[in-house]
């Protein structure tokens, strides 16, 4: 199987899992079973992202480990101190926990950061190609700042759409059911740090499947937010 076939197969699997999830949650009596499969779905999506990443090298695996470890660490601090995101607790749906945080959460951080980073990078490369034709030169610092701002905006939108759905599905619960505003601020800060790491370790890499997966997951939560 060549790279194009692999990415097409990954896309079909992602569509199959998310469309099946939507149908199962919204229209069948097996809603709880489909929700319980969330951690399996996230793990499979992470595997597909790794498989479809071109030219996997040491930098890619360093980024993978840093993102999972950092994401899991801030969640553990957040849940057990209420200092970072607010007062929240995880339910039992997302599987095995370490210090009150599901292990799959670290993998989910990787999925979100990687997909948003690739989305931004692909779009940025498209714009830069147009600028180069017009002989417009942009220095590296401006490129980095622009990349981080755009990628963080995508993550902010994703979290804003996902949060209400996550509450309804029982992934986690906020004290009094209220999502604190500084939850989003912390997301912005943490994701900014991880996007700097992404930029340094994954320069000029493209994974169109990651772009598609970001759109699929965003639409998945948007549909659930509308009809759940």
N, C-alpha and C. Protein backbone atom coordinates (compact mmCIF):
# COMPACT_ATOMS: atom_id res chain seq x y z
N UNK A 1 0.85 -1.20 0.00
CA UNK A 1 0.00 0.00 0.00
C UNK A 1 0.88 1.25 0.00
N UNK A 2 0.71 2.10 -1.02
CA UNK A 2 1.52 3.32 -1.07
C UNK A 2 0.93 4.40 -0.16
N UNK A 3 1.64 5.54 -0.08
CA UNK A 3 1.25 6.59 0.86
C UNK A 3 -0.14 7.14 0.57
N UNK A 4 -0.46 7.34 -0.71
CA UNK A 4 -1.77 7.87 -1.07
C UNK A 4 -2.89 6.91 -0.68
N UNK A 5 -2.69 5.62 -0.95
CA UNK A 5 -3.69 4.61 -0.60
C UNK A 5 -3.87 4.53 0.92
N UNK A 6 -2.75 4.66 1.65
CA UNK A 6 -2.82 4.61 3.12
C UNK A 6 -3.65 5.76 3.66
N UNK A 7 -3.42 6.97 3.13
CA UNK A 7 -4.15 8.13 3.62
C UNK A 7 -5.63 8.06 3.22
N UNK A 8 -5.91 7.52 2.04
CA UNK A 8 -7.31 7.36 1.63
C UNK A 8 -8.02 6.34 2.52
N UNK A 9 -7.32 5.25 2.84
CA UNK A 9 -7.90 4.23 3.72
C UNK A 9 -8.13 4.79 5.12
N UNK A 10 -7.17 5.59 5.60
CA UNK A 10 -7.31 6.21 6.92
C UNK A 10 -8.50 7.15 6.95
N UNK A 11 -8.68 7.91 5.88
CA UNK A 11 -9.81 8.83 5.78
C UNK A 11 -11.14 8.09 5.81
N UNK A 12 -11.21 6.99 5.06
CA UNK A 12 -12.44 6.19 5.05
C UNK A 12 -12.76 5.62 6.43
N UNK A 13 -11.72 5.15 7.13
CA UNK A 13 -11.91 4.63 8.49
C UNK A 13 -12.38 5.72 9.44
N UNK A 14 -11.78 6.89 9.34
CA UNK A 14 -12.17 8.00 10.21
C UNK A 14 -13.62 8.40 9.97
N UNK A 15 -14.01 8.46 8.71
CA UNK A 15 -15.40 8.79 8.37
C UNK A 15 -16.35 7.71 8.89
N UNK A 16 -15.97 6.45 8.70
CA UNK A 16 -16.80 5.33 9.15
C UNK A 16 -17.01 5.39 10.66
N UNK A 17 -15.93 5.59 11.42
CA UNK A 17 -16.03 5.61 12.88
C UNK A 17 -16.88 6.78 13.37
N UNK A 18 -16.67 7.96 12.80
CA UNK A 18 -17.37 9.14 13.30
C UNK A 18 -18.83 9.19 12.85
N UNK A 19 -19.10 8.78 11.62
CA UNK A 19 -20.49 8.74 11.15
C UNK A 19 -21.27 7.66 11.92
N UNK A 20 -20.63 6.51 12.13
CA UNK A 20 -21.27 5.45 12.92
C UNK A 20 -21.54 5.94 14.34
N UNK A 21 -20.59 6.69 14.90
CA UNK A 21 -20.76 7.23 16.24
C UNK A 21 -21.94 8.19 16.32
N UNK A 22 -22.03 9.06 15.31
CA UNK A 22 -23.16 10.00 15.28
C UNK A 22 -24.49 9.28 15.21
N UNK A 23 -24.57 8.32 14.30
CA UNK A 23 -25.83 7.56 14.14
C UNK A 23 -26.14 6.81 15.44
N UNK A 24 -25.12 6.16 16.00
CA UNK A 24 -25.33 5.36 17.20
C UNK A 24 -25.77 6.19 18.40
N UNK A 25 -25.18 7.37 18.55
CA UNK A 25 -25.50 8.23 19.69
C UNK A 25 -26.86 8.91 19.53
N UNK A 26 -27.15 9.33 18.31
CA UNK A 26 -28.36 10.14 18.09
C UNK A 26 -29.60 9.32 17.77
N UNK A 27 -29.43 8.14 17.14
CA UNK A 27 -30.60 7.48 16.58
C UNK A 27 -30.80 6.02 16.99
N UNK A 28 -29.97 5.49 17.88
CA UNK A 28 -30.14 4.09 18.25
C UNK A 28 -30.28 3.95 19.77
N UNK A 29 -30.78 2.80 20.23
CA UNK A 29 -30.87 2.56 21.68
C UNK A 29 -29.53 2.17 22.30
N UNK A 30 -28.46 2.17 21.49
CA UNK A 30 -27.14 1.77 21.97
C UNK A 30 -26.24 2.97 22.22
N UNK A 31 -26.85 4.08 22.57
CA UNK A 31 -26.11 5.33 22.79
C UNK A 31 -24.96 5.15 23.78
N UNK A 32 -25.22 4.50 24.92
CA UNK A 32 -24.20 4.34 25.95
C UNK A 32 -23.01 3.53 25.44
N UNK A 33 -23.29 2.50 24.64
CA UNK A 33 -22.21 1.67 24.11
C UNK A 33 -21.30 2.48 23.19
N UNK A 34 -21.90 3.29 22.32
CA UNK A 34 -21.10 4.11 21.40
C UNK A 34 -20.27 5.13 22.17
N UNK A 35 -20.84 5.71 23.22
CA UNK A 35 -20.09 6.68 24.03
C UNK A 35 -18.93 5.99 24.73
N UNK A 36 -19.17 4.76 25.22
CA UNK A 36 -18.11 4.01 25.90
C UNK A 36 -16.95 3.67 24.97
N UNK A 37 -17.20 3.68 23.67
CA UNK A 37 -16.15 3.36 22.69
C UNK A 37 -15.28 4.57 22.34
N UNK A 38 -15.49 5.70 22.99
CA UNK A 38 -14.75 6.93 22.68
C UNK A 38 -13.25 6.72 22.78
N UNK A 39 -12.78 6.10 23.85
CA UNK A 39 -11.34 5.93 24.05
C UNK A 39 -10.73 5.04 22.96
N UNK A 40 -11.48 4.03 22.53
CA UNK A 40 -11.01 3.15 21.44
C UNK A 40 -10.89 3.95 20.16
N UNK A 41 -11.90 4.77 19.89
CA UNK A 41 -11.89 5.60 18.69
C UNK A 41 -10.69 6.55 18.70
N UNK A 42 -10.44 7.20 19.84
CA UNK A 42 -9.31 8.13 19.93
C UNK A 42 -7.98 7.42 19.71
N UNK A 43 -7.85 6.23 20.28
CA UNK A 43 -6.60 5.48 20.12
C UNK A 43 -6.38 5.12 18.65
N UNK A 44 -7.44 4.67 17.99
CA UNK A 44 -7.32 4.29 16.57
C UNK A 44 -6.98 5.50 15.72
N UNK A 45 -7.59 6.66 16.01
CA UNK A 45 -7.28 7.88 15.25
C UNK A 45 -5.82 8.28 15.44
N UNK A 46 -5.31 8.13 16.65
CA UNK A 46 -3.90 8.45 16.91
C UNK A 46 -2.98 7.53 16.11
N UNK A 47 -3.32 6.24 16.08
CA UNK A 47 -2.53 5.27 15.31
C UNK A 47 -2.54 5.65 13.83
N UNK A 48 -3.70 6.03 13.32
CA UNK A 48 -3.81 6.42 11.91
C UNK A 48 -2.97 7.66 11.61
N UNK A 49 -2.95 8.60 12.53
CA UNK A 49 -2.13 9.81 12.35
C UNK A 49 -0.64 9.45 12.29
N UNK A 50 -0.24 8.55 13.17
CA UNK A 50 1.17 8.13 13.18
C UNK A 50 1.52 7.41 11.88
N UNK A 51 0.64 6.51 11.44
CA UNK A 51 0.90 5.75 10.21
C UNK A 51 0.97 6.63 8.98
N UNK A 52 0.15 7.69 8.95
CA UNK A 52 0.08 8.54 7.76
C UNK A 52 1.10 9.68 7.78
N UNK A 53 1.84 9.82 8.87
CA UNK A 53 2.87 10.85 8.93
C UNK A 53 4.05 10.45 8.04
N UNK A 54 4.37 11.28 7.07
CA UNK A 54 5.45 10.96 6.13
C UNK A 54 6.81 11.15 6.79
N UNK A 55 7.74 10.31 6.43
CA UNK A 55 9.14 10.42 6.88
C UNK A 55 9.24 10.53 8.40
N UNK A 56 8.70 9.53 9.06
CA UNK A 56 8.78 9.51 10.53
C UNK A 56 10.24 9.41 10.95
N UNK A 57 10.66 10.32 11.82
CA UNK A 57 12.04 10.33 12.30
C UNK A 57 12.05 10.59 13.80
N UNK A 58 13.25 10.80 14.35
CA UNK A 58 13.40 11.01 15.78
C UNK A 58 12.60 12.22 16.25
N UNK A 59 12.61 13.30 15.47
CA UNK A 59 11.90 14.52 15.87
C UNK A 59 10.41 14.28 16.02
N UNK A 60 9.85 13.48 15.13
CA UNK A 60 8.41 13.20 15.21
C UNK A 60 8.08 12.46 16.49
N UNK A 61 8.87 11.47 16.84
CA UNK A 61 8.58 10.69 18.05
C UNK A 61 8.85 11.51 19.31
N UNK A 62 9.81 12.42 19.25
CA UNK A 62 10.04 13.33 20.38
C UNK A 62 8.81 14.21 20.58
N UNK A 63 8.28 14.74 19.47
CA UNK A 63 7.07 15.56 19.54
C UNK A 63 5.91 14.76 20.10
N UNK A 64 5.75 13.53 19.64
CA UNK A 64 4.67 12.65 20.10
C UNK A 64 4.75 12.45 21.61
N UNK A 65 5.93 12.12 22.10
CA UNK A 65 6.11 11.85 23.54
C UNK A 65 5.91 13.11 24.36
N UNK A 66 6.47 14.23 23.90
CA UNK A 66 6.34 15.50 24.64
C UNK A 66 4.88 15.92 24.73
N UNK A 67 4.16 15.82 23.63
CA UNK A 67 2.76 16.25 23.60
C UNK A 67 1.90 15.41 24.52
N UNK A 68 2.05 14.10 24.45
CA UNK A 68 1.27 13.21 25.32
C UNK A 68 1.62 13.44 26.79
N UNK A 69 2.92 13.51 27.10
CA UNK A 69 3.35 13.66 28.48
C UNK A 69 2.95 15.02 29.04
N UNK A 70 3.14 16.08 28.25
CA UNK A 70 2.82 17.43 28.70
C UNK A 70 1.31 17.59 28.89
N UNK A 71 0.56 17.09 27.92
CA UNK A 71 -0.90 17.17 28.01
C UNK A 71 -1.44 16.43 29.22
N UNK A 72 -0.90 15.22 29.46
CA UNK A 72 -1.34 14.43 30.60
C UNK A 72 -0.95 15.11 31.92
N UNK A 73 0.23 15.71 31.94
CA UNK A 73 0.71 16.39 33.15
C UNK A 73 -0.16 17.58 33.53
N UNK A 74 -0.48 18.43 32.55
CA UNK A 74 -1.31 19.60 32.87
C UNK A 74 -2.71 19.18 33.29
N UNK A 75 -3.20 18.07 32.72
CA UNK A 75 -4.52 17.58 33.12
C UNK A 75 -4.49 17.07 34.57
N UNK A 76 -3.43 16.35 34.91
CA UNK A 76 -3.30 15.85 36.29
C UNK A 76 -3.22 17.00 37.28
N UNK A 77 -2.42 18.01 36.94
CA UNK A 77 -2.33 19.19 37.81
C UNK A 77 -3.68 19.89 37.88
N UNK A 78 -4.34 20.01 36.73
CA UNK A 78 -5.62 20.70 36.67
C UNK A 78 -6.71 20.03 37.48
N UNK A 79 -6.83 18.71 37.32
CA UNK A 79 -7.88 17.97 38.04
C UNK A 79 -7.65 17.97 39.54
N UNK A 80 -6.40 17.80 39.95
CA UNK A 80 -6.11 17.62 41.36
C UNK A 80 -5.89 18.92 42.14
N UNK A 81 -5.76 20.05 41.42
CA UNK A 81 -5.58 21.33 42.12
C UNK A 81 -6.63 22.36 41.77
N UNK A 82 -7.32 22.18 40.64
CA UNK A 82 -8.31 23.16 40.13
C UNK A 82 -7.68 24.49 39.76
N UNK A 83 -6.35 24.52 39.63
CA UNK A 83 -5.65 25.79 39.38
C UNK A 83 -5.58 26.16 37.89
N UNK A 84 -5.51 25.17 37.02
CA UNK A 84 -5.24 25.48 35.62
C UNK A 84 -6.51 25.70 34.79
N UNK A 85 -7.43 24.76 34.86
CA UNK A 85 -8.62 24.84 34.01
C UNK A 85 -9.89 25.19 34.79
N UNK A 86 -9.86 25.01 36.09
CA UNK A 86 -11.05 25.19 36.90
C UNK A 86 -11.34 23.90 37.66
N UNK A 87 -12.48 23.87 38.32
CA UNK A 87 -12.85 22.72 39.15
C UNK A 87 -13.64 21.71 38.30
N UNK A 88 -12.97 20.62 37.90
CA UNK A 88 -13.64 19.61 37.08
C UNK A 88 -13.14 18.22 37.45
N UNK A 89 -13.94 17.22 37.10
CA UNK A 89 -13.57 15.82 37.36
C UNK A 89 -13.92 14.98 36.14
N UNK A 90 -13.12 13.96 35.91
CA UNK A 90 -13.38 13.05 34.80
C UNK A 90 -14.32 11.93 35.24
N UNK A 91 -15.21 11.54 34.33
CA UNK A 91 -16.06 10.38 34.57
C UNK A 91 -15.29 9.11 34.26
N UNK A 92 -16.00 7.99 34.16
CA UNK A 92 -15.35 6.69 33.92
C UNK A 92 -15.39 6.26 32.46
N UNK A 93 -15.95 7.11 31.60
CA UNK A 93 -16.15 6.73 30.20
C UNK A 93 -14.84 6.59 29.43
N UNK A 94 -13.86 7.43 29.74
CA UNK A 94 -12.63 7.48 28.95
C UNK A 94 -11.57 6.46 29.38
N UNK A 95 -11.94 5.56 30.27
CA UNK A 95 -11.05 4.44 30.56
C UNK A 95 -10.12 4.61 31.74
N UNK A 96 -9.03 3.85 31.71
CA UNK A 96 -8.08 3.75 32.83
C UNK A 96 -7.52 5.13 33.20
N UNK A 97 -7.48 5.39 34.52
CA UNK A 97 -7.00 6.69 35.00
C UNK A 97 -5.68 6.57 35.75
N UNK A 98 -4.93 7.65 35.68
CA UNK A 98 -3.74 7.82 36.50
C UNK A 98 -3.89 9.14 37.23
N UNK A 99 -3.92 9.10 38.55
CA UNK A 99 -4.11 10.30 39.36
C UNK A 99 -5.36 11.07 38.94
N UNK A 100 -6.44 10.33 38.73
CA UNK A 100 -7.77 10.86 38.42
C UNK A 100 -7.93 11.38 36.99
N UNK A 101 -6.96 11.08 36.13
CA UNK A 101 -7.03 11.52 34.73
C UNK A 101 -6.90 10.31 33.80
N UNK A 102 -7.83 10.11 32.86
CA UNK A 102 -7.73 9.00 31.91
C UNK A 102 -6.46 9.10 31.07
N UNK A 103 -5.79 7.97 30.88
CA UNK A 103 -4.56 7.96 30.08
C UNK A 103 -4.81 8.43 28.65
N UNK A 104 -6.00 8.15 28.14
CA UNK A 104 -6.32 8.52 26.76
C UNK A 104 -6.29 10.04 26.57
N UNK A 105 -6.38 10.79 27.66
CA UNK A 105 -6.37 12.25 27.57
C UNK A 105 -5.06 12.75 26.96
N UNK A 106 -3.95 12.13 27.32
CA UNK A 106 -2.67 12.54 26.74
C UNK A 106 -2.66 12.30 25.24
N UNK A 107 -3.23 11.18 24.81
CA UNK A 107 -3.31 10.88 23.38
C UNK A 107 -4.22 11.88 22.67
N UNK A 108 -5.29 12.27 23.36
CA UNK A 108 -6.20 13.25 22.76
C UNK A 108 -5.51 14.60 22.56
N UNK A 109 -4.64 14.99 23.50
CA UNK A 109 -3.86 16.21 23.32
C UNK A 109 -3.00 16.11 22.07
N UNK A 110 -2.39 14.95 21.86
CA UNK A 110 -1.58 14.76 20.65
C UNK A 110 -2.43 14.92 19.40
N UNK A 111 -3.60 14.29 19.39
CA UNK A 111 -4.48 14.36 18.21
C UNK A 111 -4.85 15.80 17.90
N UNK A 112 -5.28 16.54 18.91
CA UNK A 112 -5.75 17.92 18.70
C UNK A 112 -4.61 18.81 18.24
N UNK A 113 -3.47 18.76 18.92
CA UNK A 113 -2.34 19.62 18.58
C UNK A 113 -1.77 19.27 17.21
N UNK A 114 -1.60 17.98 16.96
CA UNK A 114 -1.04 17.55 15.68
C UNK A 114 -1.94 17.95 14.52
N UNK A 115 -3.24 17.68 14.65
CA UNK A 115 -4.18 17.99 13.57
C UNK A 115 -4.29 19.50 13.32
N UNK A 116 -4.42 20.27 14.39
CA UNK A 116 -4.51 21.73 14.23
C UNK A 116 -3.20 22.29 13.67
N UNK A 117 -2.08 21.74 14.12
CA UNK A 117 -0.78 22.18 13.62
C UNK A 117 -0.62 21.89 12.14
N UNK A 118 -1.01 20.69 11.72
CA UNK A 118 -0.91 20.33 10.31
C UNK A 118 -1.87 21.16 9.46
N UNK A 119 -3.07 21.37 9.97
CA UNK A 119 -4.06 22.19 9.26
C UNK A 119 -3.46 23.57 8.99
N UNK A 120 -2.91 24.18 10.04
CA UNK A 120 -2.33 25.52 9.91
C UNK A 120 -1.13 25.51 8.98
N UNK A 121 -0.30 24.49 9.10
CA UNK A 121 0.90 24.42 8.27
C UNK A 121 0.58 24.26 6.80
N UNK A 122 -0.40 23.41 6.49
CA UNK A 122 -0.80 23.22 5.09
C UNK A 122 -1.35 24.52 4.51
N UNK A 123 -2.21 25.19 5.29
CA UNK A 123 -2.78 26.47 4.84
C UNK A 123 -1.69 27.53 4.69
N UNK A 124 -0.77 27.56 5.65
CA UNK A 124 0.31 28.53 5.60
C UNK A 124 1.20 28.32 4.38
N UNK A 125 1.53 27.06 4.10
CA UNK A 125 2.35 26.76 2.93
C UNK A 125 1.68 27.20 1.64
N UNK A 126 0.36 27.04 1.59
CA UNK A 126 -0.41 27.49 0.42
C UNK A 126 -0.27 29.00 0.24
N UNK A 127 -0.41 29.74 1.36
CA UNK A 127 -0.29 31.19 1.29
C UNK A 127 1.12 31.63 0.93
N UNK A 128 2.12 30.95 1.50
CA UNK A 128 3.50 31.32 1.23
C UNK A 128 3.88 31.09 -0.22
N UNK A 129 3.33 30.04 -0.82
CA UNK A 129 3.59 29.80 -2.24
C UNK A 129 3.06 30.95 -3.09
N UNK A 130 1.89 31.45 -2.72
CA UNK A 130 1.33 32.60 -3.45
C UNK A 130 2.18 33.85 -3.24
N UNK A 131 2.63 34.05 -1.99
CA UNK A 131 3.46 35.22 -1.68
C UNK A 131 4.80 35.16 -2.40
N UNK A 132 5.37 33.96 -2.49
CA UNK A 132 6.65 33.81 -3.17
C UNK A 132 6.55 34.17 -4.64
N UNK A 133 5.41 33.84 -5.24
CA UNK A 133 5.20 34.20 -6.64
C UNK A 133 5.14 35.71 -6.82
N UNK A 134 4.67 36.39 -5.76
CA UNK A 134 4.60 37.86 -5.80
C UNK A 134 5.85 38.50 -5.20
N UNK A 135 6.84 37.64 -4.88
CA UNK A 135 8.13 38.08 -4.32
C UNK A 135 7.96 38.83 -3.00
N UNK A 136 7.01 38.36 -2.19
CA UNK A 136 6.81 38.91 -0.84
C UNK A 136 7.59 38.04 0.14
N UNK A 137 8.50 38.65 0.89
CA UNK A 137 9.35 37.93 1.81
C UNK A 137 8.89 38.19 3.25
N UNK A 138 8.72 37.09 4.02
CA UNK A 138 8.33 37.19 5.43
C UNK A 138 9.40 36.51 6.27
N UNK A 139 9.87 37.18 7.32
CA UNK A 139 10.94 36.58 8.13
C UNK A 139 10.42 35.45 9.01
N UNK A 140 11.35 34.68 9.57
CA UNK A 140 10.99 33.48 10.33
C UNK A 140 10.20 33.79 11.58
N UNK A 141 10.53 34.89 12.26
CA UNK A 141 9.83 35.24 13.50
C UNK A 141 8.36 35.52 13.24
N UNK A 142 8.08 36.26 12.16
CA UNK A 142 6.69 36.58 11.81
C UNK A 142 5.95 35.30 11.43
N UNK A 143 6.63 34.42 10.70
CA UNK A 143 6.01 33.14 10.32
C UNK A 143 5.64 32.32 11.56
N UNK A 144 6.54 32.28 12.53
CA UNK A 144 6.29 31.51 13.75
C UNK A 144 5.12 32.09 14.53
N UNK A 145 5.13 33.40 14.71
CA UNK A 145 4.04 34.05 15.46
C UNK A 145 2.70 33.85 14.76
N UNK A 146 2.71 34.01 13.43
CA UNK A 146 1.49 33.83 12.66
C UNK A 146 0.98 32.40 12.78
N UNK A 147 1.91 31.44 12.70
CA UNK A 147 1.54 30.03 12.82
C UNK A 147 0.89 29.74 14.17
N UNK A 148 1.50 30.23 15.24
CA UNK A 148 0.99 29.96 16.58
C UNK A 148 -0.40 30.58 16.77
N UNK A 149 -0.57 31.82 16.32
CA UNK A 149 -1.86 32.50 16.46
C UNK A 149 -2.95 31.74 15.72
N UNK A 150 -2.66 31.34 14.48
CA UNK A 150 -3.66 30.64 13.68
C UNK A 150 -3.99 29.26 14.26
N UNK A 151 -2.95 28.53 14.68
CA UNK A 151 -3.16 27.19 15.23
C UNK A 151 -3.92 27.25 16.56
N UNK A 152 -3.55 28.21 17.40
CA UNK A 152 -4.24 28.37 18.69
C UNK A 152 -5.70 28.74 18.48
N UNK A 153 -5.98 29.56 17.47
CA UNK A 153 -7.36 29.91 17.17
C UNK A 153 -8.17 28.66 16.80
N UNK A 154 -7.57 27.77 16.01
CA UNK A 154 -8.26 26.53 15.65
C UNK A 154 -8.55 25.68 16.88
N UNK A 155 -7.57 25.58 17.78
CA UNK A 155 -7.76 24.81 19.01
C UNK A 155 -8.84 25.43 19.89
N UNK A 156 -8.84 26.76 19.96
CA UNK A 156 -9.85 27.46 20.75
C UNK A 156 -11.25 27.15 20.22
N UNK A 157 -11.43 27.23 18.91
CA UNK A 157 -12.72 26.94 18.29
C UNK A 157 -13.12 25.49 18.57
N UNK A 158 -12.15 24.58 18.43
CA UNK A 158 -12.43 23.16 18.67
C UNK A 158 -12.88 22.93 20.10
N UNK A 159 -12.16 23.51 21.06
CA UNK A 159 -12.52 23.32 22.47
C UNK A 159 -13.87 23.95 22.78
N UNK A 160 -14.14 25.10 22.19
CA UNK A 160 -15.41 25.79 22.43
C UNK A 160 -16.59 24.96 21.93
N UNK A 161 -16.41 24.28 20.80
CA UNK A 161 -17.46 23.42 20.25
C UNK A 161 -17.56 22.12 21.04
N UNK A 162 -16.42 21.58 21.46
CA UNK A 162 -16.39 20.27 22.12
C UNK A 162 -16.90 20.29 23.55
N UNK A 163 -16.58 21.34 24.31
CA UNK A 163 -16.86 21.36 25.75
C UNK A 163 -18.31 21.04 26.12
N UNK A 164 -19.30 21.71 25.53
CA UNK A 164 -20.69 21.41 25.91
C UNK A 164 -21.09 19.96 25.61
N UNK A 165 -20.56 19.42 24.51
CA UNK A 165 -20.88 18.05 24.13
C UNK A 165 -20.24 17.07 25.12
N UNK A 166 -18.99 17.35 25.50
CA UNK A 166 -18.30 16.48 26.45
C UNK A 166 -19.05 16.38 27.77
N UNK A 167 -19.66 17.49 28.18
CA UNK A 167 -20.45 17.47 29.41
C UNK A 167 -21.67 16.57 29.26
N UNK A 168 -22.35 16.69 28.12
CA UNK A 168 -23.55 15.89 27.89
C UNK A 168 -23.23 14.39 27.77
N UNK A 169 -22.05 14.09 27.23
CA UNK A 169 -21.68 12.69 27.05
C UNK A 169 -21.05 12.10 28.31
N UNK A 170 -20.76 12.94 29.29
CA UNK A 170 -20.22 12.45 30.56
C UNK A 170 -18.72 12.22 30.57
N UNK A 171 -17.98 12.84 29.61
CA UNK A 171 -16.53 12.70 29.61
C UNK A 171 -15.93 13.29 30.88
N UNK A 172 -16.41 14.49 31.22
CA UNK A 172 -16.00 15.16 32.45
C UNK A 172 -17.11 16.08 32.90
N UNK A 173 -17.01 16.56 34.13
CA UNK A 173 -18.03 17.45 34.68
C UNK A 173 -17.38 18.64 35.37
N UNK A 174 -17.97 19.81 35.18
CA UNK A 174 -17.51 21.02 35.85
C UNK A 174 -18.34 21.26 37.11
N UNK A 175 -17.72 21.85 38.09
CA UNK A 175 -18.45 22.20 39.32
C UNK A 175 -19.60 23.14 38.97
N UNK A 176 -20.79 22.80 39.42
CA UNK A 176 -22.01 23.57 39.14
C UNK A 176 -22.36 23.61 37.66
N UNK A 177 -21.68 22.78 36.85
CA UNK A 177 -21.98 22.74 35.42
C UNK A 177 -21.54 23.97 34.64
N UNK A 178 -20.71 24.80 35.25
CA UNK A 178 -20.28 26.06 34.62
C UNK A 178 -18.84 25.93 34.14
N UNK A 179 -18.60 26.24 32.85
CA UNK A 179 -17.25 26.20 32.29
C UNK A 179 -16.57 27.53 32.55
N UNK A 180 -15.49 27.55 33.35
CA UNK A 180 -14.82 28.83 33.66
C UNK A 180 -14.17 29.43 32.42
N UNK A 181 -14.16 30.75 32.36
CA UNK A 181 -13.55 31.42 31.21
C UNK A 181 -12.05 31.14 31.13
N UNK A 182 -11.40 31.00 32.31
CA UNK A 182 -9.96 30.79 32.25
C UNK A 182 -9.58 29.38 31.82
N UNK A 183 -10.58 28.50 31.70
CA UNK A 183 -10.32 27.20 31.07
C UNK A 183 -9.80 27.41 29.65
N UNK A 184 -10.44 28.32 28.92
CA UNK A 184 -10.03 28.61 27.55
C UNK A 184 -8.68 29.32 27.52
N UNK A 185 -8.44 30.17 28.51
CA UNK A 185 -7.15 30.87 28.57
C UNK A 185 -6.02 29.86 28.76
N UNK A 186 -6.23 28.89 29.65
CA UNK A 186 -5.22 27.87 29.87
C UNK A 186 -5.00 27.03 28.62
N UNK A 187 -6.09 26.70 27.94
CA UNK A 187 -5.97 25.98 26.66
C UNK A 187 -5.08 26.75 25.70
N UNK A 188 -5.26 28.05 25.63
CA UNK A 188 -4.48 28.89 24.72
C UNK A 188 -3.00 28.86 25.10
N UNK A 189 -2.72 28.98 26.39
CA UNK A 189 -1.33 29.00 26.85
C UNK A 189 -0.65 27.65 26.61
N UNK A 190 -1.31 26.57 27.04
CA UNK A 190 -0.73 25.24 26.90
C UNK A 190 -0.54 24.88 25.43
N UNK A 191 -1.54 25.14 24.62
CA UNK A 191 -1.43 24.80 23.19
C UNK A 191 -0.36 25.64 22.50
N UNK A 192 -0.18 26.89 22.94
CA UNK A 192 0.87 27.74 22.36
C UNK A 192 2.25 27.13 22.58
N UNK A 193 2.47 26.62 23.78
CA UNK A 193 3.75 25.95 24.09
C UNK A 193 3.94 24.74 23.20
N UNK A 194 2.90 23.94 23.06
CA UNK A 194 3.00 22.72 22.26
C UNK A 194 3.13 23.02 20.77
N UNK A 195 2.56 24.12 20.31
CA UNK A 195 2.70 24.48 18.90
C UNK A 195 4.12 24.97 18.59
N UNK A 196 4.78 25.56 19.56
CA UNK A 196 6.19 25.92 19.37
C UNK A 196 7.01 24.65 19.18
N UNK A 197 6.73 23.64 20.01
CA UNK A 197 7.41 22.35 19.88
C UNK A 197 7.10 21.72 18.52
N UNK A 198 5.83 21.75 18.14
CA UNK A 198 5.42 21.21 16.84
C UNK A 198 6.19 21.88 15.71
N UNK A 199 6.27 23.19 15.76
CA UNK A 199 6.93 23.94 14.70
C UNK A 199 8.42 23.61 14.60
N UNK A 200 9.05 23.47 15.75
CA UNK A 200 10.48 23.21 15.77
C UNK A 200 10.81 21.79 15.29
N UNK A 201 9.93 20.84 15.57
CA UNK A 201 10.25 19.44 15.29
C UNK A 201 9.59 18.88 14.03
N UNK A 202 8.60 19.58 13.48
CA UNK A 202 7.88 19.05 12.31
C UNK A 202 7.81 20.06 11.17
N UNK A 203 8.89 20.77 10.95
CA UNK A 203 8.89 21.80 9.92
C UNK A 203 8.68 21.21 8.53
N UNK A 204 7.76 21.88 7.79
CA UNK A 204 7.50 21.56 6.38
C UNK A 204 6.96 20.16 6.13
N UNK A 205 6.52 19.48 7.19
CA UNK A 205 5.88 18.19 6.98
C UNK A 205 4.40 18.42 6.69
N UNK A 206 3.84 17.59 5.82
CA UNK A 206 2.42 17.71 5.50
C UNK A 206 1.73 16.36 5.70
N UNK A 207 0.56 16.40 6.30
CA UNK A 207 -0.25 15.20 6.46
C UNK A 207 -1.70 15.62 6.24
N UNK A 208 -2.17 15.43 5.01
CA UNK A 208 -3.50 15.90 4.65
C UNK A 208 -4.58 15.13 5.41
N UNK A 209 -4.27 13.89 5.83
CA UNK A 209 -5.23 13.14 6.64
C UNK A 209 -5.50 13.86 7.95
N UNK A 210 -4.47 14.46 8.54
CA UNK A 210 -4.63 15.20 9.80
C UNK A 210 -5.57 16.39 9.61
N UNK A 211 -5.48 17.04 8.46
CA UNK A 211 -6.39 18.14 8.14
C UNK A 211 -7.82 17.63 8.07
N UNK A 212 -8.00 16.53 7.36
CA UNK A 212 -9.34 15.94 7.22
C UNK A 212 -9.88 15.49 8.58
N UNK A 213 -9.03 14.89 9.41
CA UNK A 213 -9.48 14.41 10.71
C UNK A 213 -9.91 15.56 11.61
N UNK A 214 -9.19 16.68 11.55
CA UNK A 214 -9.57 17.84 12.34
C UNK A 214 -10.98 18.31 11.95
N UNK A 215 -11.23 18.38 10.64
CA UNK A 215 -12.54 18.81 10.15
C UNK A 215 -13.62 17.80 10.55
N UNK A 216 -13.32 16.51 10.42
CA UNK A 216 -14.28 15.46 10.77
C UNK A 216 -14.66 15.55 12.25
N UNK A 217 -13.67 15.69 13.11
CA UNK A 217 -13.95 15.74 14.55
C UNK A 217 -14.69 17.01 14.93
N UNK A 218 -14.33 18.13 14.30
CA UNK A 218 -15.03 19.39 14.58
C UNK A 218 -16.50 19.29 14.16
N UNK A 219 -16.75 18.71 12.99
CA UNK A 219 -18.13 18.53 12.53
C UNK A 219 -18.88 17.53 13.40
N UNK A 220 -18.18 16.50 13.86
CA UNK A 220 -18.78 15.50 14.75
C UNK A 220 -19.33 16.17 16.01
N UNK A 221 -18.53 17.00 16.66
CA UNK A 221 -18.98 17.68 17.87
C UNK A 221 -20.01 18.77 17.56
N UNK A 222 -19.89 19.41 16.41
CA UNK A 222 -20.85 20.44 16.04
C UNK A 222 -22.25 19.85 15.82
N UNK A 223 -22.30 18.68 15.16
CA UNK A 223 -23.59 18.01 14.94
C UNK A 223 -24.19 17.57 16.27
N UNK A 224 -23.35 16.96 17.13
CA UNK A 224 -23.85 16.54 18.44
C UNK A 224 -24.32 17.72 19.27
N UNK A 225 -23.60 18.83 19.17
CA UNK A 225 -23.99 20.03 19.92
C UNK A 225 -25.35 20.54 19.46
N UNK A 226 -25.65 20.35 18.20
CA UNK A 226 -26.91 20.84 17.63
C UNK A 226 -28.09 19.93 17.96
N UNK A 227 -27.86 18.61 17.91
CA UNK A 227 -29.00 17.68 17.99
C UNK A 227 -29.05 16.82 19.26
N UNK A 228 -27.98 16.83 20.05
CA UNK A 228 -27.98 15.99 21.24
C UNK A 228 -28.88 16.54 22.34
